Amino acid sequence: MQQQKSLVSPFRVLPLARLAKGGRWRTEAMRSYGAPVLLWFTRGQGRITMNGRTSGYTAHNAVFIPAGTMHGFEMNSTVHGMIVVFPAGVEEQLSLPDDPVHLRLTDAEQHIELNRLIDAIQTELENGATASDRALLSHAGLLSVWIERQMRGHEVEEPREDASVRLAAAFTSLVEQDFHSPKTVRDYAKTLGVTPTHLSRVCNKACGRPASAILADRVHYEARRLLTETHMPVKDIARALGFASPAYFTRAFTQHTGRTPSAFRRGS
């Protein structure tokens, strides 16, 4: 009998408040995850940006974000909910959507069903019983079916696919691919065949921040993540993110966050 393979990366179900622990940068700064996630907002409201487009969210909104999708969302003390982190690489197996999905759930039965599906995954994670990986994939499969069924209704927010939205999405996709390089907004604009001024104007229109802020957000989110989650020396982080020197990285990081890299690491 063939042995069941372990999942490449673990499922996780966390309260949104725990995701934000350590500072608002953990949710608001532009970044991406290496695995698909589902955000389930049960209380509060704010704005969420995905692929260069900003829209509002309220209570009882579910947002699916594919792996590698740059995003960030406002989260204050009134916002509550859960995040489900799928294992990396299960998208095809579970038939998860290729693009972000924003579901505005108006029916109480939808809320109950989604809570039940998430609770089942959380219970399996806590029990850790035999064949847990297989059980988790089964539960996740039911969750993916639920998402697909909701997408067939009228609860999905369809983004306006005008030229501005497409350009902002293309820019964020390129940034996600190359943020660890020394590329500037001018370099990205040249690749996209537009001027830096036009690119920033489009990004401002689509998500309320200029192209330079999106790029800086992504770079400094990664810097803060490496400072808090690894023991990499500051000079190695600077090199990994495409800075010309550790001194230049320290100046840029301090300007962006108000603290030096070393002070940020000590206070994390």
Protein backbone atom coordinates (compact mmCIF):
# COMPACT_ATOMS: atom_id res chain seq x y z
CA MET A 1 0.00 0.00 0.00
CA GLN A 2 1.41 3.39 -1.00
CA GLN A 3 2.12 5.68 1.91
CA GLN A 4 0.17 8.94 2.03
CA LYS A 5 2.51 11.87 1.31
CA SER A 6 2.59 14.77 3.74
CA LEU A 7 1.42 18.16 2.57
CA VAL A 8 4.19 20.37 1.22
CA SER A 9 3.22 23.16 3.61
CA PRO A 10 0.68 23.08 6.44
CA PHE A 11 -2.87 24.31 6.53
CA ARG A 12 -3.39 27.13 8.98
CA VAL A 13 -6.52 28.74 10.36
CA LEU A 14 -5.86 31.93 12.32
CA PRO A 15 -7.87 34.84 13.70
CA LEU A 16 -7.21 38.00 11.68
CA ALA A 17 -6.16 39.72 14.92
CA ARG A 18 -3.31 37.24 15.25
CA LEU A 19 -2.23 37.93 11.68
CA ALA A 20 -1.89 41.61 12.56
CA LYS A 21 0.10 40.95 15.72
CA GLY A 22 3.34 42.90 15.64
CA GLY A 23 2.06 45.91 13.73
CA ARG A 24 -0.33 47.13 11.04
CA TRP A 25 2.38 46.53 8.43
CA ARG A 26 1.57 42.82 8.59
CA THR A 27 -1.79 43.45 6.93
CA GLU A 28 -1.63 46.89 5.30
CA ALA A 29 1.76 46.79 3.54
CA MET A 30 1.70 45.41 0.02
CA ARG A 31 2.94 41.82 -0.04
CA SER A 32 2.05 38.32 -1.22
CA TYR A 33 2.04 34.81 0.19
CA GLY A 34 3.50 31.67 -1.31
CA ALA A 35 0.18 29.87 -0.75
CA PRO A 36 -3.47 30.73 -1.48
CA VAL A 37 -5.49 32.23 1.37
CA LEU A 38 -9.13 32.93 2.21
CA LEU A 39 -9.95 35.99 4.31
CA TRP A 40 -13.30 35.84 6.11
CA PHE A 41 -14.34 39.19 7.58
CA THR A 42 -17.06 38.71 10.21
CA ARG A 43 -17.10 42.22 11.68
CA GLY A 44 -15.88 45.71 10.77
CA GLN A 45 -15.01 47.35 7.49
CA GLY A 46 -12.09 48.79 5.57
CA ARG A 47 -10.38 48.76 2.21
CA ILE A 48 -8.52 45.94 0.52
CA THR A 49 -6.11 46.20 -2.40
CA MET A 50 -5.45 43.26 -4.71
CA ASN A 51 -3.52 43.33 -7.97
CA GLY A 52 -3.37 47.12 -7.90
CA ARG A 53 -7.09 47.71 -7.35
CA THR A 54 -8.66 48.94 -4.12
CA SER A 55 -12.24 48.29 -3.04
CA GLY A 56 -14.15 48.34 0.23
CA TYR A 57 -14.97 45.35 2.38
CA THR A 58 -17.51 44.98 5.17
CA ALA A 59 -18.69 42.31 7.57
CA HIS A 60 -19.57 38.99 5.93
CA ASN A 61 -17.19 39.44 3.02
CA ALA A 62 -15.01 36.49 1.98
CA VAL A 63 -11.93 37.20 -0.14
CA PHE A 64 -9.93 34.48 -1.86
CA ILE A 65 -6.37 35.50 -2.77
CA PRO A 66 -4.28 33.19 -5.00
CA ALA A 67 -0.64 32.54 -4.19
CA GLY A 68 1.70 35.25 -5.42
CA THR A 69 -1.00 37.94 -5.56
CA MET A 70 0.16 41.27 -4.16
CA HIS A 71 -2.35 42.60 -1.67
CA GLY A 72 -2.85 44.58 1.51
CA PHE A 73 -5.87 45.50 3.61
CA GLU A 74 -6.81 47.96 6.31
CA MET A 75 -7.45 46.43 9.69
CA ASN A 76 -8.36 48.34 12.84
CA SER A 77 -9.55 47.12 16.23
CA THR A 78 -13.16 46.78 15.05
CA VAL A 79 -12.28 44.24 12.33
CA HIS A 80 -12.65 40.57 13.19
CA GLY A 81 -12.52 37.39 11.16
CA MET A 82 -10.39 34.45 10.14
CA ILE A 83 -7.72 33.60 7.60
CA VAL A 84 -7.44 30.14 6.06
CA VAL A 85 -4.01 29.42 4.59
CA PHE A 86 -4.04 26.55 2.09
CA PRO A 87 -0.93 24.44 1.47
CA ALA A 88 1.23 25.71 -1.37
CA GLY A 89 0.76 23.86 -4.65
CA VAL A 90 -2.77 22.50 -4.11
CA GLU A 91 -4.51 24.95 -6.44
CA GLU A 92 -4.95 22.54 -9.33
CA GLN A 93 -5.81 19.59 -7.10
CA LEU A 94 -8.56 21.59 -5.38
CA SER A 95 -9.63 23.57 -8.49
CA LEU A 96 -9.09 26.85 -6.67
CA PRO A 97 -9.65 30.09 -8.64
CA ASP A 98 -6.73 31.54 -10.61
CA ASP A 99 -7.75 35.13 -9.86
CA PRO A 100 -8.79 36.97 -6.67
CA VAL A 101 -12.44 36.56 -5.69
CA HIS A 102 -14.37 39.02 -3.51
CA LEU A 103 -17.65 37.56 -2.20
CA ARG A 104 -20.21 39.77 -0.49
CA LEU A 105 -22.39 37.30 1.42
CA THR A 106 -25.85 38.64 2.22
CA ASP A 107 -27.58 35.41 3.23
CA ALA A 108 -27.27 34.14 6.83
CA GLU A 109 -27.15 30.57 5.52
CA GLN A 110 -23.98 31.45 3.58
CA HIS A 111 -22.36 32.75 6.77
CA ILE A 112 -23.30 29.61 8.69
CA GLU A 113 -22.03 27.28 5.97
CA LEU A 114 -18.69 29.07 5.62
CA ASN A 115 -18.19 29.11 9.40
CA ARG A 116 -18.93 25.39 9.48
CA LEU A 117 -16.41 24.62 6.74
CA ILE A 118 -13.68 26.65 8.45
CA ASP A 119 -14.48 25.11 11.84
CA ALA A 120 -14.11 21.62 10.35
CA ILE A 121 -10.59 22.44 9.11
CA GLN A 122 -9.66 23.98 12.45
CA THR A 123 -10.96 20.96 14.38
CA GLU A 124 -8.96 18.58 12.19
CA LEU A 125 -5.83 20.70 12.72
CA GLU A 126 -6.30 20.59 16.48
CA ASN A 127 -6.97 16.84 16.62
CA GLY A 128 -4.00 15.76 14.48
CA ALA A 129 -5.46 12.29 14.05
CA THR A 130 -4.27 9.51 11.72
CA ALA A 131 -4.56 10.39 8.01
CA SER A 132 -5.04 14.02 8.99
CA ASP A 133 -3.51 15.28 5.73
CA ARG A 134 -6.06 13.37 3.69
CA ALA A 135 -8.90 14.62 5.88
CA LEU A 136 -7.67 18.21 5.60
CA LEU A 137 -7.55 17.97 1.81
CA SER A 138 -11.10 16.65 1.83
CA HIS A 139 -12.29 19.56 3.98
CA ALA A 140 -10.39 22.01 1.79
CA GLY A 141 -11.98 20.43 -1.27
CA LEU A 142 -15.42 21.14 0.19
CA LEU A 143 -14.36 24.73 0.85
CA SER A 144 -13.17 25.12 -2.75
CA VAL A 145 -16.51 23.75 -3.99
CA TRP A 146 -18.30 26.28 -1.77
CA ILE A 147 -16.24 29.13 -3.30
CA GLU A 148 -17.03 27.90 -6.82
CA ARG A 149 -20.74 27.73 -6.07
CA GLN A 150 -20.80 31.25 -4.65
CA MET A 151 -19.00 32.50 -7.77
CA ARG A 152 -21.88 31.21 -9.91
CA GLY A 153 -24.31 33.49 -8.09
CA HIS A 154 -24.41 37.25 -7.88
CA GLU A 155 -22.29 37.72 -4.78
CA VAL A 156 -18.98 38.18 -6.60
CA GLU A 157 -17.59 41.67 -7.01
CA GLU A 158 -16.50 42.00 -10.62
CA PRO A 159 -13.67 44.53 -11.10
CA ARG A 160 -13.93 47.07 -13.89
CA GLU A 161 -11.51 45.82 -16.52
CA ASP A 162 -10.57 49.18 -17.99
CA ALA A 163 -7.08 50.10 -19.18
CA SER A 164 -6.13 51.64 -15.83
CA VAL A 165 -7.03 48.52 -13.87
CA ARG A 166 -5.11 46.32 -16.31
CA LEU A 167 -2.02 48.54 -16.16
CA ALA A 168 -2.04 48.69 -12.35
CA ALA A 169 -2.44 44.91 -12.21
CA ALA A 170 0.43 44.43 -14.66
CA PHE A 171 2.63 46.73 -12.58
CA THR A 172 1.94 44.92 -9.30
CA SER A 173 2.57 41.59 -11.01
CA LEU A 174 5.97 42.80 -12.23
CA VAL A 175 6.82 44.20 -8.80
CA GLU A 176 5.95 40.89 -7.19
CA GLN A 177 8.26 39.17 -9.63
CA ASP A 178 11.21 41.58 -9.33
CA PHE A 179 10.92 43.48 -6.03
CA HIS A 180 14.18 41.93 -4.82
CA SER A 181 16.04 43.65 -7.68
CA PRO A 182 17.30 47.27 -7.81
CA LYS A 183 14.62 48.19 -10.37
CA THR A 184 12.96 51.59 -9.98
CA VAL A 185 9.51 52.81 -11.00
CA ARG A 186 11.13 54.19 -14.13
CA ASP A 187 12.38 50.69 -15.02
CA TYR A 188 8.94 49.15 -14.53
CA ALA A 189 7.28 51.94 -16.53
CA LYS A 190 9.69 51.37 -19.42
CA THR A 191 8.88 47.64 -19.41
CA LEU A 192 5.17 48.47 -19.51
CA GLY A 193 5.63 51.03 -22.29
CA VAL A 194 4.38 54.05 -20.33
CA THR A 195 5.93 57.04 -18.58
CA PRO A 196 6.60 56.92 -14.81
CA THR A 197 4.16 59.83 -14.38
CA HIS A 198 1.38 57.98 -16.17
CA LEU A 199 2.05 54.80 -14.21
CA SER A 200 1.85 56.63 -10.90
CA ARG A 201 -1.33 58.42 -11.97
CA VAL A 202 -2.94 55.09 -12.88
CA CYS A 203 -1.88 53.45 -9.60
CA ASN A 204 -3.25 56.41 -7.65
CA LYS A 205 -6.56 56.08 -9.46
CA ALA A 206 -6.78 52.29 -9.02
CA CYS A 207 -5.58 51.87 -5.45
CA GLY A 208 -5.03 55.27 -3.90
CA ARG A 209 -1.24 55.20 -3.81
CA PRO A 210 1.47 56.06 -6.34
CA ALA A 211 3.63 53.45 -8.01
CA SER A 212 6.61 54.40 -5.84
CA ALA A 213 4.62 53.69 -2.66
CA ILE A 214 3.51 50.29 -3.94
CA LEU A 215 7.09 49.34 -4.77
CA ALA A 216 8.46 50.65 -1.46
CA ASP A 217 5.69 48.88 0.48
CA ARG A 218 6.54 45.54 -1.10
CA VAL A 219 10.29 45.88 -0.54
CA HIS A 220 10.01 47.04 3.05
CA TYR A 221 7.37 44.45 3.94
CA GLU A 222 9.87 41.80 2.89
CA ALA A 223 12.63 43.56 4.83
CA ARG A 224 10.51 43.63 7.98
CA ARG A 225 9.52 39.99 7.50
CA LEU A 226 13.16 38.92 7.17
CA LEU A 227 14.13 41.00 10.21
CA THR A 228 11.41 39.46 12.38
CA GLU A 229 11.31 35.89 11.09
CA THR A 230 14.96 35.13 10.28
CA HIS A 231 18.43 35.70 11.70
CA MET A 232 19.84 37.02 8.41
CA PRO A 233 22.40 39.77 8.96
CA VAL A 234 21.25 43.21 7.87
CA LYS A 235 23.91 43.32 5.15
CA ASP A 236 22.56 40.07 3.66
CA ILE A 237 18.98 41.39 3.73
CA ALA A 238 20.15 44.53 1.94
CA ARG A 239 21.84 42.44 -0.73
CA ALA A 240 18.83 40.10 -1.09
CA LEU A 241 16.55 43.08 -1.73
CA GLY A 242 18.75 44.70 -4.35
CA PHE A 243 20.14 47.62 -2.33
CA ALA A 244 23.52 48.95 -3.41
CA SER A 245 24.88 48.86 0.15
CA PRO A 246 23.80 48.12 3.74
CA ALA A 247 24.08 51.85 4.50
CA TYR A 248 21.67 52.73 1.70
CA PHE A 249 19.26 50.03 2.89
CA THR A 250 19.42 51.36 6.45
CA ARG A 251 18.65 54.92 5.31
CA ALA A 252 15.73 53.77 3.14
CA PHE A 253 14.32 51.47 5.82
CA THR A 254 14.57 54.15 8.50
CA GLN A 255 12.83 56.68 6.27
CA HIS A 256 10.03 54.22 5.51
CA THR A 257 9.46 52.80 9.02
CA GLY A 258 10.89 55.37 11.43
CA ARG A 259 13.33 52.82 12.89
CA THR A 260 16.67 51.40 11.85
CA PRO A 261 16.71 47.73 10.82
CA SER A 262 18.52 46.77 14.03
CA ALA A 263 16.06 48.69 16.21
CA PHE A 264 13.11 47.15 14.36
CA ARG A 265 14.54 43.66 14.91
CA ARG A 266 15.08 44.28 18.63
CA GLY A 267 11.56 45.60 19.08
CA SER A 268 9.80 42.84 17.13
